[in-house]
């Protein structure tokens, strides 16, 4: 999905997101997640055992509401691409940096992400 400059600026500055996925029975499942704009794409981190991950693997579509503290928000309907593999810790680091949250110890952070079976 391509974002215009105004949307890019908003997504670079705001990282709180509401994600809606669909259960197998078609009923919505809503969860709060952190997100960040990395290389023009909106990324979020999850774990393999999370409900939203299972929903997205079965039906790779989500509706997102990215929220600002001043009550502005942007809605996004997206087709989701999941990343699961040895590059996920590095992707998680890129996401942390996009959110302005540099880990204190990068090596420890990368090891934790690998051990936690994370997916992007």
PDB file of N, CA and C in Angstrom:
ATOM      1  N   UNK A   1       0.841  -1.170   0.000  1.00  0.00           N
ATOM      2  CA  UNK A   1       0.000   0.000   0.000  1.00  0.00           C
ATOM      3  C   UNK A   1       0.887   1.235   0.000  1.00  0.00           C
ATOM      4  N   UNK A   2       0.586   2.160  -0.874  1.00  0.00           N
ATOM      5  CA  UNK A   2       1.344   3.409  -0.929  1.00  0.00           C
ATOM      6  C   UNK A   2       0.606   4.481  -0.132  1.00  0.00           C
ATOM      7  N   UNK A   3       1.341   5.182   0.717  1.00  0.00           N
ATOM      8  CA  UNK A   3       0.779   6.246   1.530  1.00  0.00           C
ATOM      9  C   UNK A   3       1.206   7.592   0.964  1.00  0.00           C
ATOM     10  N   UNK A   4       0.282   8.561   0.956  1.00  0.00           N
ATOM     11  CA  UNK A   4       0.670   9.901   0.533  1.00  0.00           C
ATOM     12  C   UNK A   4       1.526  10.525   1.641  1.00  0.00           C
ATOM     13  N   UNK A   5       2.144  11.656   1.344  1.00  0.00           N
ATOM     14  CA  UNK A   5       3.086  12.281   2.284  1.00  0.00           C
ATOM     15  C   UNK A   5       2.434  12.596   3.632  1.00  0.00           C
ATOM     16  N   UNK A   6       1.196  13.071   3.624  1.00  0.00           N
ATOM     17  CA  UNK A   6       0.501  13.394   4.876  1.00  0.00           C
ATOM     18  C   UNK A   6       0.296  12.135   5.724  1.00  0.00           C
ATOM     19  N   UNK A   7      -0.117  11.042   5.081  1.00  0.00           N
ATOM     20  CA  UNK A   7      -0.309   9.778   5.800  1.00  0.00           C
ATOM     21  C   UNK A   7       1.028   9.248   6.309  1.00  0.00           C
ATOM     22  N   UNK A   8       2.077   9.345   5.495  1.00  0.00           N
ATOM     23  CA  UNK A   8       3.405   8.900   5.930  1.00  0.00           C
ATOM     24  C   UNK A   8       3.851   9.644   7.183  1.00  0.00           C
ATOM     25  N   UNK A   9       3.686  10.949   7.171  1.00  0.00           N
ATOM     26  CA  UNK A   9       4.085  11.759   8.332  1.00  0.00           C
ATOM     27  C   UNK A   9       3.307  11.325   9.577  1.00  0.00           C
ATOM     28  N   UNK A  10       2.002  11.127   9.409  1.00  0.00           N
ATOM     29  CA  UNK A  10       1.162  10.690  10.529  1.00  0.00           C
ATOM     30  C   UNK A  10       1.647   9.344  11.059  1.00  0.00           C
ATOM     31  N   UNK A  11       1.922   8.391  10.166  1.00  0.00           N
ATOM     32  CA  UNK A  11       2.338   7.050  10.573  1.00  0.00           C
ATOM     33  C   UNK A  11       3.749   7.040  11.162  1.00  0.00           C
ATOM     34  N   UNK A  12       4.594   7.953  10.752  1.00  0.00           N
ATOM     35  CA  UNK A  12       5.935   8.066  11.339  1.00  0.00           C
ATOM     36  C   UNK A  12       5.866   8.581  12.771  1.00  0.00           C
ATOM     37  N   UNK A  13       4.837   9.360  13.082  1.00  0.00           N
ATOM     38  CA  UNK A  13       4.719   9.996  14.394  1.00  0.00           C
ATOM     39  C   UNK A  13       3.821   9.248  15.365  1.00  0.00           C
ATOM     40  N   UNK A  14       2.984   8.336  14.879  1.00  0.00           N
ATOM     41  CA  UNK A  14       1.989   7.666  15.725  1.00  0.00           C
ATOM     42  C   UNK A  14       2.115   6.156  15.571  1.00  0.00           C
ATOM     43  N   UNK A  15       2.139   5.461  16.714  1.00  0.00           N
ATOM     44  CA  UNK A  15       2.446   4.034  16.698  1.00  0.00           C
ATOM     45  C   UNK A  15       1.441   3.172  17.448  1.00  0.00           C
ATOM     46  N   UNK A  16       0.350   3.750  17.916  1.00  0.00           N
ATOM     47  CA  UNK A  16      -0.690   2.982  18.582  1.00  0.00           C
ATOM     48  C   UNK A  16      -1.757   2.635  17.562  1.00  0.00           C
ATOM     49  N   UNK A  17      -2.091   1.364  17.504  1.00  0.00           N
ATOM     50  CA  UNK A  17      -2.961   0.886  16.441  1.00  0.00           C
ATOM     51  C   UNK A  17      -4.001  -0.077  17.001  1.00  0.00           C
ATOM     52  N   UNK A  18      -5.186  -0.028  16.457  1.00  0.00           N
ATOM     53  CA  UNK A  18      -6.215  -1.026  16.700  1.00  0.00           C
ATOM     54  C   UNK A  18      -6.284  -1.871  15.438  1.00  0.00           C
ATOM     55  N   UNK A  19      -6.145  -3.183  15.601  1.00  0.00           N
ATOM     56  CA  UNK A  19      -6.170  -4.098  14.459  1.00  0.00           C
ATOM     57  C   UNK A  19      -7.405  -4.987  14.557  1.00  0.00           C
ATOM     58  N   UNK A  20      -8.132  -5.077  13.448  1.00  0.00           N
ATOM     59  CA  UNK A  20      -9.294  -5.945  13.377  1.00  0.00           C
ATOM     60  C   UNK A  20      -8.987  -7.062  12.383  1.00  0.00           C
ATOM     61  N   UNK A  21      -9.077  -8.299  12.868  1.00  0.00           N
ATOM     62  CA  UNK A  21      -8.931  -9.476  12.018  1.00  0.00           C
ATOM     63  C   UNK A  21     -10.242 -10.256  12.088  1.00  0.00           C
ATOM     64  N   UNK A  22     -10.351 -11.287  11.274  1.00  0.00           N
ATOM     65  CA  UNK A  22     -11.587 -12.082  11.257  1.00  0.00           C
ATOM     66  C   UNK A  22     -11.353 -13.487  11.793  1.00  0.00           C
ATOM     67  N   UNK A  23     -12.255 -13.897  12.681  1.00  0.00           N
ATOM     68  CA  UNK A  23     -12.258 -15.283  13.148  1.00  0.00           C
ATOM     69  C   UNK A  23     -12.765 -16.180  12.013  1.00  0.00           C
ATOM     70  N   UNK A  24     -12.604 -17.477  12.180  1.00  0.00           N
ATOM     71  CA  UNK A  24     -13.055 -18.435  11.168  1.00  0.00           C
ATOM     72  C   UNK A  24     -14.561 -18.314  10.910  1.00  0.00           C
ATOM     73  N   UNK A  25     -15.323 -17.897  11.931  1.00  0.00           N
ATOM     74  CA  UNK A  25     -16.777 -17.762  11.770  1.00  0.00           C
ATOM     75  C   UNK A  25     -17.185 -16.398  11.211  1.00  0.00           C
ATOM     76  N   UNK A  26     -16.203 -15.563  10.861  1.00  0.00           N
ATOM     77  CA  UNK A  26     -16.481 -14.262  10.260  1.00  0.00           C
ATOM     78  C   UNK A  26     -16.680 -13.128  11.244  1.00  0.00           C
ATOM     79  N   UNK A  27     -16.657 -13.412  12.534  1.00  0.00           N
ATOM     80  CA  UNK A  27     -16.826 -12.374  13.553  1.00  0.00           C
ATOM     81  C   UNK A  27     -15.488 -11.674  13.787  1.00  0.00           C
ATOM     82  N   UNK A  28     -15.539 -10.366  13.941  1.00  0.00           N
ATOM     83  CA  UNK A  28     -14.329  -9.561  14.115  1.00  0.00           C
ATOM     84  C   UNK A  28     -13.630  -9.853  15.435  1.00  0.00           C
ATOM     85  N   UNK A  29     -12.323  -9.785  15.411  1.00  0.00           N
ATOM     86  CA  UNK A  29     -11.481  -9.869  16.593  1.00  0.00           C
ATOM     87  C   UNK A  29     -10.658  -8.585  16.627  1.00  0.00           C
ATOM     88  N   UNK A  30     -10.713  -7.850  17.723  1.00  0.00           N
ATOM     89  CA  UNK A  30     -10.057  -6.548  17.834  1.00  0.00           C
ATOM     90  C   UNK A  30      -8.945  -6.627  18.873  1.00  0.00           C
ATOM     91  N   UNK A  31      -7.799  -6.035  18.536  1.00  0.00           N
ATOM     92  CA  UNK A  31      -6.665  -6.022  19.445  1.00  0.00           C
ATOM     93  C   UNK A  31      -5.884  -4.719  19.263  1.00  0.00           C
ATOM     94  N   UNK A  32      -5.274  -4.267  20.352  1.00  0.00           N
ATOM     95  CA  UNK A  32      -4.397  -3.103  20.297  1.00  0.00           C
ATOM     96  C   UNK A  32      -2.989  -3.606  20.031  1.00  0.00           C
ATOM     97  N   UNK A  33      -2.298  -2.972  19.097  1.00  0.00           N
ATOM     98  CA  UNK A  33      -0.912  -3.331  18.773  1.00  0.00           C
ATOM     99  C   UNK A  33      -0.099  -2.054  18.595  1.00  0.00           C
ATOM    100  N   UNK A  34       1.208  -2.201  18.633  1.00  0.00           N
ATOM    101  CA  UNK A  34       2.109  -1.120  18.250  1.00  0.00           C
ATOM    102  C   UNK A  34       2.467  -1.323  16.789  1.00  0.00           C
ATOM    103  N   UNK A  35       2.653  -0.243  16.075  1.00  0.00           N
ATOM    104  CA  UNK A  35       3.002  -0.336  14.661  1.00  0.00           C
ATOM    105  C   UNK A  35       4.049   0.733  14.345  1.00  0.00           C
ATOM    106  N   UNK A  36       4.629   0.610  13.179  1.00  0.00           N
ATOM    107  CA  UNK A  36       5.606   1.593  12.747  1.00  0.00           C
ATOM    108  C   UNK A  36       5.785   1.526  11.245  1.00  0.00           C
ATOM    109  N   UNK A  37       6.118   2.653  10.664  1.00  0.00           N
ATOM    110  CA  UNK A  37       6.347   2.741   9.231  1.00  0.00           C
ATOM    111  C   UNK A  37       7.822   2.455   8.948  1.00  0.00           C
ATOM    112  N   UNK A  38       8.084   1.365   8.220  1.00  0.00           N
ATOM    113  CA  UNK A  38       9.443   0.954   7.880  1.00  0.00           C
ATOM    114  C   UNK A  38       9.504   0.783   6.360  1.00  0.00           C
ATOM    115  N   UNK A  39      10.366   1.539   5.729  1.00  0.00           N
ATOM    116  CA  UNK A  39      10.523   1.467   4.271  1.00  0.00           C
ATOM    117  C   UNK A  39       9.187   1.605   3.544  1.00  0.00           C
ATOM    118  N   UNK A  40       8.341   2.512   4.036  1.00  0.00           N
ATOM    119  CA  UNK A  40       7.070   2.791   3.386  1.00  0.00           C
ATOM    120  C   UNK A  40       5.967   1.800   3.665  1.00  0.00           C
ATOM    121  N   UNK A  41       6.242   0.787   4.490  1.00  0.00           N
ATOM    122  CA  UNK A  41       5.251  -0.234   4.844  1.00  0.00           C
ATOM    123  C   UNK A  41       4.935  -0.130   6.324  1.00  0.00           C
ATOM    124  N   UNK A  42       3.684  -0.405   6.678  1.00  0.00           N
ATOM    125  CA  UNK A  42       3.290  -0.398   8.080  1.00  0.00           C
ATOM    126  C   UNK A  42       3.553  -1.777   8.662  1.00  0.00           C
ATOM    127  N   UNK A  43       4.400  -1.842   9.687  1.00  0.00           N
ATOM    128  CA  UNK A  43       4.800  -3.105  10.303  1.00  0.00           C
ATOM    129  C   UNK A  43       4.258  -3.211  11.719  1.00  0.00           C
ATOM    130  N   UNK A  44       4.051  -4.444  12.145  1.00  0.00           N
ATOM    131  CA  UNK A  44       3.665  -4.753  13.516  1.00  0.00           C
ATOM    132  C   UNK A  44       4.325  -6.074  13.889  1.00  0.00           C
ATOM    133  N   UNK A  45       4.644  -6.238  15.145  1.00  0.00           N
ATOM    134  CA  UNK A  45       5.298  -7.445  15.642  1.00  0.00           C
ATOM    135  C   UNK A  45       4.280  -8.298  16.383  1.00  0.00           C
ATOM    136  N   UNK A  46       4.375  -9.597  16.222  1.00  0.00           N
ATOM    137  CA  UNK A  46       3.479 -10.509  16.921  1.00  0.00           C
ATOM    138  C   UNK A  46       4.255 -11.750  17.319  1.00  0.00           C
ATOM    139  N   UNK A  47       3.553 -12.706  17.877  1.00  0.00           N
ATOM    140  CA  UNK A  47       4.133 -14.004  18.212  1.00  0.00           C
ATOM    141  C   UNK A  47       3.323 -15.079  17.495  1.00  0.00           C
ATOM    142  N   UNK A  48       3.961 -16.207  17.244  1.00  0.00           N
ATOM    143  CA  UNK A  48       3.303 -17.280  16.490  1.00  0.00           C
ATOM    144  C   UNK A  48       2.028 -17.770  17.160  1.00  0.00           C
ATOM    145  N   UNK A  49       1.972 -17.713  18.481  1.00  0.00           N
ATOM    146  CA  UNK A  49       0.819 -18.259  19.196  1.00  0.00           C
ATOM    147  C   UNK A  49      -0.295 -17.246  19.461  1.00  0.00           C
ATOM    148  N   UNK A  50      -0.180 -16.033  18.977  1.00  0.00           N
ATOM    149  CA  UNK A  50      -1.217 -15.020  19.191  1.00  0.00           C
ATOM    150  C   UNK A  50      -2.439 -15.282  18.321  1.00  0.00           C
ATOM    151  N   UNK A  51      -3.585 -14.948  18.837  1.00  0.00           N
ATOM    152  CA  UNK A  51      -4.841 -15.151  18.107  1.00  0.00           C
ATOM    153  C   UNK A  51      -4.813 -14.402  16.782  1.00  0.00           C
ATOM    154  N   UNK A  52      -4.364 -13.152  16.795  1.00  0.00           N
ATOM    155  CA  UNK A  52      -4.359 -12.371  15.554  1.00  0.00           C
ATOM    156  C   UNK A  52      -3.464 -13.004  14.494  1.00  0.00           C
ATOM    157  N   UNK A  53      -2.346 -13.609  14.914  1.00  0.00           N
ATOM    158  CA  UNK A  53      -1.455 -14.274  13.971  1.00  0.00           C
ATOM    159  C   UNK A  53      -2.169 -15.435  13.304  1.00  0.00           C
ATOM    160  N   UNK A  54      -2.867 -16.234  14.081  1.00  0.00           N
ATOM    161  CA  UNK A  54      -3.614 -17.364  13.522  1.00  0.00           C
ATOM    162  C   UNK A  54      -4.683 -16.883  12.548  1.00  0.00           C
ATOM    163  N   UNK A  55      -5.386 -15.818  12.903  1.00  0.00           N
ATOM    164  CA  UNK A  55      -6.405 -15.267  12.003  1.00  0.00           C
ATOM    165  C   UNK A  55      -5.782 -14.795  10.698  1.00  0.00           C
ATOM    166  N   UNK A  56      -4.658 -14.087  10.788  1.00  0.00           N
ATOM    167  CA  UNK A  56      -4.020 -13.542   9.584  1.00  0.00           C
ATOM    168  C   UNK A  56      -3.422 -14.628   8.698  1.00  0.00           C
ATOM    169  N   UNK A  57      -2.981 -15.717   9.292  1.00  0.00           N
ATOM    170  CA  UNK A  57      -2.484 -16.828   8.485  1.00  0.00           C
ATOM    171  C   UNK A  57      -3.623 -17.479   7.696  1.00  0.00           C
ATOM    172  N   UNK A  58      -4.810 -17.503   8.286  1.00  0.00           N
ATOM    173  CA  UNK A  58      -5.972 -18.097   7.613  1.00  0.00           C
ATOM    174  C   UNK A  58      -6.618 -17.136   6.627  1.00  0.00           C
ATOM    175  N   UNK A  59      -6.601 -15.851   6.945  1.00  0.00           N
ATOM    176  CA  UNK A  59      -7.260 -14.812   6.135  1.00  0.00           C
ATOM    177  C   UNK A  59      -6.393 -13.554   6.238  1.00  0.00           C
ATOM    178  N   UNK A  60      -5.500 -13.322   5.285  1.00  0.00           N
ATOM    179  CA  UNK A  60      -4.483 -12.266   5.428  1.00  0.00           C
ATOM    180  C   UNK A  60      -4.975 -10.844   5.151  1.00  0.00           C
ATOM    181  N   UNK A  61      -6.051 -10.469   5.803  1.00  0.00           N
ATOM    182  CA  UNK A  61      -6.582  -9.115   5.649  1.00  0.00           C
ATOM    183  C   UNK A  61      -6.869  -8.544   7.032  1.00  0.00           C
ATOM    184  N   UNK A  62      -6.612  -7.250   7.171  1.00  0.00           N
ATOM    185  CA  UNK A  62      -6.866  -6.580   8.449  1.00  0.00           C
ATOM    186  C   UNK A  62      -7.333  -5.155   8.184  1.00  0.00           C
ATOM    187  N   UNK A  63      -8.117  -4.662   9.106  1.00  0.00           N
ATOM    188  CA  UNK A  63      -8.477  -3.255   9.126  1.00  0.00           C
ATOM    189  C   UNK A  63      -7.781  -2.657  10.338  1.00  0.00           C
ATOM    190  N   UNK A  64      -7.101  -1.533  10.112  1.00  0.00           N
ATOM    191  CA  UNK A  64      -6.302  -0.908  11.154  1.00  0.00           C
ATOM    192  C   UNK A  64      -6.775   0.515  11.400  1.00  0.00           C
ATOM    193  N   UNK A  65      -6.738   0.913  12.637  1.00  0.00           N
ATOM    194  CA  UNK A  65      -6.963   2.300  13.015  1.00  0.00           C
ATOM    195  C   UNK A  65      -5.747   2.768  13.784  1.00  0.00           C
ATOM    196  N   UNK A  66      -4.942   3.644  13.200  1.00  0.00           N
ATOM    197  CA  UNK A  66      -3.760   4.178  13.874  1.00  0.00           C
ATOM    198  C   UNK A  66      -4.183   5.474  14.554  1.00  0.00           C
ATOM    199  N   UNK A  67      -3.914   5.556  15.856  1.00  0.00           N
ATOM    200  CA  UNK A  67      -4.449   6.620  16.695  1.00  0.00           C
ATOM    201  C   UNK A  67      -3.373   7.602  17.140  1.00  0.00           C
ATOM    202  N   UNK A  68      -3.732   8.873  17.157  1.00  0.00           N
ATOM    203  CA  UNK A  68      -2.856   9.920  17.689  1.00  0.00           C
ATOM    204  C   UNK A  68      -3.389  10.367  19.046  1.00  0.00           C
ATOM    205  N   UNK A  69      -2.531  10.910  19.851  1.00  0.00           N
ATOM    206  CA  UNK A  69      -2.952  11.375  21.186  1.00  0.00           C
ATOM    207  C   UNK A  69      -3.947  12.523  21.123  1.00  0.00           C
ATOM    208  N   UNK A  70      -3.914  13.301  20.044  1.00  0.00           N
ATOM    209  CA  UNK A  70      -4.819  14.448  19.929  1.00  0.00           C
ATOM    210  C   UNK A  70      -6.161  14.058  19.282  1.00  0.00           C
ATOM    211  N   UNK A  71      -6.454  12.775  19.227  1.00  0.00           N
ATOM    212  CA  UNK A  71      -7.716  12.199  18.754  1.00  0.00           C
ATOM    213  C   UNK A  71      -7.825  12.094  17.238  1.00  0.00           C
ATOM    214  N   UNK A  72      -6.788  12.490  16.496  1.00  0.00           N
ATOM    215  CA  UNK A  72      -6.788  12.223  15.054  1.00  0.00           C
ATOM    216  C   UNK A  72      -6.511  10.743  14.868  1.00  0.00           C
ATOM    217  N   UNK A  73      -6.885  10.225  13.714  1.00  0.00           N
ATOM    218  CA  UNK A  73      -6.610   8.831  13.416  1.00  0.00           C
ATOM    219  C   UNK A  73      -6.658   8.615  11.911  1.00  0.00           C
ATOM    220  N   UNK A  74      -6.098   7.493  11.480  1.00  0.00           N
ATOM    221  CA  UNK A  74      -6.148   7.127  10.080  1.00  0.00           C
ATOM    222  C   UNK A  74      -6.597   5.663  10.010  1.00  0.00           C
ATOM    223  N   UNK A  75      -7.496   5.376   9.102  1.00  0.00           N
ATOM    224  CA  UNK A  75      -7.967   4.012   8.901  1.00  0.00           C
ATOM    225  C   UNK A  75      -7.291   3.397   7.686  1.00  0.00           C
ATOM    226  N   UNK A  76      -6.939   2.130   7.793  1.00  0.00           N
ATOM    227  CA  UNK A  76      -6.239   1.431   6.720  1.00  0.00           C
ATOM    228  C   UNK A  76      -6.850   0.042   6.562  1.00  0.00           C
ATOM    229  N   UNK A  77      -7.220  -0.296   5.339  1.00  0.00           N
ATOM    230  CA  UNK A  77      -7.622  -1.664   5.018  1.00  0.00           C
ATOM    231  C   UNK A  77      -6.462  -2.281   4.267  1.00  0.00           C
ATOM    232  N   UNK A  78      -5.941  -3.413   4.763  1.00  0.00           N
ATOM    233  CA  UNK A  78      -4.699  -3.938   4.225  1.00  0.00           C
ATOM    234  C   UNK A  78      -4.735  -5.439   3.991  1.00  0.00           C
ATOM    235  N   UNK A  79      -3.998  -5.852   2.986  1.00  0.00           N
ATOM    236  CA  UNK A  79      -3.643  -7.250   2.825  1.00  0.00           C
ATOM    237  C   UNK A  79      -2.314  -7.421   3.540  1.00  0.00           C
ATOM    238  N   UNK A  80      -2.248  -8.394   4.418  1.00  0.00           N
ATOM    239  CA  UNK A  80      -1.104  -8.560   5.311  1.00  0.00           C
ATOM    240  C   UNK A  80      -0.151  -9.624   4.768  1.00  0.00           C
ATOM    241  N   UNK A  81       1.132  -9.311   4.815  1.00  0.00           N
ATOM    242  CA  UNK A  81       2.178 -10.272   4.495  1.00  0.00           C
ATOM    243  C   UNK A  81       2.898 -10.614   5.791  1.00  0.00           C
ATOM    244  N   UNK A  82       2.916 -11.888   6.135  1.00  0.00           N
ATOM    245  CA  UNK A  82       3.585 -12.332   7.363  1.00  0.00           C
ATOM    246  C   UNK A  82       5.023 -12.730   7.027  1.00  0.00           C
ATOM    247  N   UNK A  83       5.944 -12.376   7.928  1.00  0.00           N
ATOM    248  CA  UNK A  83       7.344 -12.769   7.793  1.00  0.00           C
ATOM    249  C   UNK A  83       7.707 -13.623   9.005  1.00  0.00           C
ATOM    250  N   UNK A  84       8.217 -14.812   8.725  1.00  0.00           N
ATOM    251  CA  UNK A  84       8.580 -15.754   9.778  1.00  0.00           C
ATOM    252  C   UNK A  84       9.900 -16.391   9.361  1.00  0.00           C
ATOM    253  N   UNK A  85      10.948 -16.065  10.064  1.00  0.00           N
ATOM    254  CA  UNK A  85      12.231 -16.647   9.690  1.00  0.00           C
ATOM    255  C   UNK A  85      13.374 -15.993  10.429  1.00  0.00           C
ATOM    256  N   UNK A  86      14.566 -16.281   9.987  1.00  0.00           N
ATOM    257  CA  UNK A  86      15.763 -15.818  10.684  1.00  0.00           C
ATOM    258  C   UNK A  86      15.953 -14.306  10.621  1.00  0.00           C
ATOM    259  N   UNK A  87      15.249 -13.626   9.695  1.00  0.00           N
ATOM    260  CA  UNK A  87      15.389 -12.169   9.588  1.00  0.00           C
ATOM    261  C   UNK A  87      14.443 -11.402  10.514  1.00  0.00           C
ATOM    262  N   UNK A  88      13.549 -12.106  11.204  1.00  0.00           N
ATOM    263  CA  UNK A  88      12.570 -11.417  12.052  1.00  0.00           C
ATOM    264  C   UNK A  88      13.224 -10.590  13.163  1.00  0.00           C
ATOM    265  N   UNK A  89      14.247 -11.076  13.859  1.00  0.00           N
ATOM    266  CA  UNK A  89      14.870 -10.215  14.878  1.00  0.00           C
ATOM    267  C   UNK A  89      15.378  -8.886  14.307  1.00  0.00           C
ATOM    268  N   UNK A  90      16.001  -8.916  13.118  1.00  0.00           N
ATOM    269  CA  UNK A  90      16.474  -7.677  12.509  1.00  0.00           C
ATOM    270  C   UNK A  90      15.297  -6.788  12.098  1.00  0.00           C
ATOM    271  N   UNK A  91      14.232  -7.395  11.607  1.00  0.00           N
ATOM    272  CA  UNK A  91      13.029  -6.623  11.271  1.00  0.00           C
ATOM    273  C   UNK A  91      12.427  -5.989  12.531  1.00  0.00           C
ATOM    274  N   UNK A  92      12.430  -6.746  13.627  1.00  0.00           N
ATOM    275  CA  UNK A  92      11.921  -6.214  14.897  1.00  0.00           C
ATOM    276  C   UNK A  92      12.744  -5.018  15.353  1.00  0.00           C
ATOM    277  N   UNK A  93      14.055  -5.094  15.146  1.00  0.00           N
ATOM    278  CA  UNK A  93      14.932  -3.971  15.492  1.00  0.00           C
ATOM    279  C   UNK A  93      14.600  -2.752  14.633  1.00  0.00           C
ATOM    280  N   UNK A  94      14.375  -2.963  13.343  1.00  0.00           N
ATOM    281  CA  UNK A  94      13.999  -1.850  12.460  1.00  0.00           C
ATOM    282  C   UNK A  94      12.679  -1.235  12.910  1.00  0.00           C
ATOM    283  N   UNK A  95      11.734  -2.063  13.331  1.00  0.00           N
ATOM    284  CA  UNK A  95      10.449  -1.560  13.828  1.00  0.00           C
ATOM    285  C   UNK A  95      10.650  -0.749  15.102  1.00  0.00           C
ATOM    286  N   UNK A  96      11.435  -1.272  16.043  1.00  0.00           N
ATOM    287  CA  UNK A  96      11.710  -0.533  17.283  1.00  0.00           C
ATOM    288  C   UNK A  96      12.281   0.850  16.978  1.00  0.00           C
ATOM    289  N   UNK A  97      13.205   0.889  16.039  1.00  0.00           N
ATOM    290  CA  UNK A  97      13.833   2.163  15.683  1.00  0.00           C
ATOM    291  C   UNK A  97      12.830   3.103  15.021  1.00  0.00           C
ATOM    292  N   UNK A  98      11.944   2.566  14.188  1.00  0.00           N
ATOM    293  CA  UNK A  98      10.917   3.396  13.550  1.00  0.00           C
ATOM    294  C   UNK A  98       9.964   3.988  14.586  1.00  0.00           C
ATOM    295  N   UNK A  99       9.816   3.304  15.700  1.00  0.00           N
ATOM    296  CA  UNK A  99       8.961   3.781  16.786  1.00  0.00           C
ATOM    297  C   UNK A  99       9.716   4.682  17.753  1.00  0.00           C
ATOM    298  N   UNK A 100      10.995   4.914  17.474  1.00  0.00           N
ATOM    299  CA  UNK A 100      11.798   5.764  18.353  1.00  0.00           C
ATOM    300  C   UNK A 100      12.186   5.083  19.643  1.00  0.00           C
ATOM    301  N   UNK A 101      12.259   3.757  19.624  1.00  0.00           N
ATOM    302  CA  UNK A 101      12.557   2.985  20.837  1.00  0.00           C
ATOM    303  C   UNK A 101      13.798   2.125  20.613  1.00  0.00           C
ATOM    304  N   UNK A 102      14.945   2.735  20.617  1.00  0.00           N
ATOM    305  CA  UNK A 102      16.213   2.018  20.442  1.00  0.00           C
ATOM    306  C   UNK A 102      16.476   1.137  21.666  1.00  0.00           C
ATOM    307  N   UNK A 103      16.695  -0.159  21.461  1.00  0.00           N
ATOM    308  CA  UNK A 103      17.003  -1.036  22.603  1.00  0.00           C
ATOM    309  C   UNK A 103      18.312  -0.630  23.273  1.00  0.00           C
ATOM    310  N   UNK A 104      18.367  -0.784  24.588  1.00  0.00           N
ATOM    311  CA  UNK A 104      19.594  -0.459  25.313  1.00  0.00           C
ATOM    312  C   UNK A 104      20.731  -1.389  24.910  1.00  0.00           C
ATOM    313  N   UNK A 105      20.423  -2.673  24.743  1.00  0.00           N
ATOM    314  CA  UNK A 105      21.429  -3.672  24.373  1.00  0.00           C
ATOM    315  C   UNK A 105      20.907  -4.402  23.127  1.00  0.00           C
ATOM    316  N   UNK A 106      21.450  -4.077  21.984  1.00  0.00           N
ATOM    317  CA  UNK A 106      20.945  -4.612  20.717  1.00  0.00           C
ATOM    318  C   UNK A 106      21.137  -6.120  20.634  1.00  0.00           C
ATOM    319  N   UNK A 107      22.281  -6.631  21.056  1.00  0.00           N
ATOM    320  CA  UNK A 107      22.512  -8.082  20.986  1.00  0.00           C
ATOM    321  C   UNK A 107      21.498  -8.847  21.830  1.00  0.00           C
ATOM    322  N   UNK A 108      21.230  -8.363  23.034  1.00  0.00           N
ATOM    323  CA  UNK A 108      20.239  -9.002  23.901  1.00  0.00           C
ATOM    324  C   UNK A 108      18.851  -8.926  23.273  1.00  0.00           C
ATOM    325  N   UNK A 109      18.504  -7.789  22.713  1.00  0.00           N
ATOM    326  CA  UNK A 109      17.208  -7.622  22.053  1.00  0.00           C
ATOM    327  C   UNK A 109      17.053  -8.643  20.923  1.00  0.00           C
ATOM    328  N   UNK A 110      18.067  -8.765  20.066  1.00  0.00           N
ATOM    329  CA  UNK A 110      17.995  -9.687  18.937  1.00  0.00           C
ATOM    330  C   UNK A 110      17.863 -11.134  19.405  1.00  0.00           C
ATOM    331  N   UNK A 111      18.575 -11.501  20.450  1.00  0.00           N
ATOM    332  CA  UNK A 111      18.470 -12.860  20.999  1.00  0.00           C
ATOM    333  C   UNK A 111      17.084 -13.117  21.571  1.00  0.00           C
ATOM    334  N   UNK A 112      16.526 -12.126  22.271  1.00  0.00           N
ATOM    335  CA  UNK A 112      15.176 -12.268  22.830  1.00  0.00           C
ATOM    336  C   UNK A 112      14.132 -12.439  21.728  1.00  0.00           C
ATOM    337  N   UNK A 113      14.252 -11.666  20.663  1.00  0.00           N
ATOM    338  CA  UNK A 113      13.291 -11.781  19.562  1.00  0.00           C
ATOM    339  C   UNK A 113      13.361 -13.171  18.919  1.00  0.00           C
ATOM    340  N   UNK A 114      14.558 -13.706  18.760  1.00  0.00           N
ATOM    341  CA  UNK A 114      14.720 -15.059  18.191  1.00  0.00           C
ATOM    342  C   UNK A 114      14.128 -16.107  19.121  1.00  0.00           C
ATOM    343  N   UNK A 115      14.372 -15.963  20.434  1.00  0.00           N
ATOM    344  CA  UNK A 115      13.893 -16.941  21.406  1.00  0.00           C
ATOM    345  C   UNK A 115      12.372 -16.916  21.569  1.00  0.00           C
ATOM    346  N   UNK A 116      11.760 -15.775  21.329  1.00  0.00           N
ATOM    347  CA  UNK A 116      10.312 -15.619  21.535  1.00  0.00           C
ATOM    348  C   UNK A 116       9.471 -16.039  20.345  1.00  0.00           C
ATOM    349  N   UNK A 117      10.074 -16.571  19.308  1.00  0.00           N
ATOM    350  CA  UNK A 117       9.341 -17.036  18.122  1.00  0.00           C
ATOM    351  C   UNK A 117       8.429 -15.942  17.568  1.00  0.00           C
ATOM    352  N   UNK A 118       9.009 -14.809  17.328  1.00  0.00           N
ATOM    353  CA  UNK A 118       8.255 -13.663  16.817  1.00  0.00           C
ATOM    354  C   UNK A 118       8.023 -13.764  15.312  1.00  0.00           C
ATOM    355  N   UNK A 119       6.974 -13.105  14.858  1.00  0.00           N
ATOM    356  CA  UNK A 119       6.665 -12.976  13.442  1.00  0.00           C
ATOM    357  C   UNK A 119       6.360 -11.501  13.170  1.00  0.00           C
ATOM    358  N   UNK A 120       6.578 -11.117  11.934  1.00  0.00           N
ATOM    359  CA  UNK A 120       6.282  -9.736  11.525  1.00  0.00           C
ATOM    360  C   UNK A 120       5.127  -9.769  10.563  1.00  0.00           C
TER     361      UNK A 120
END
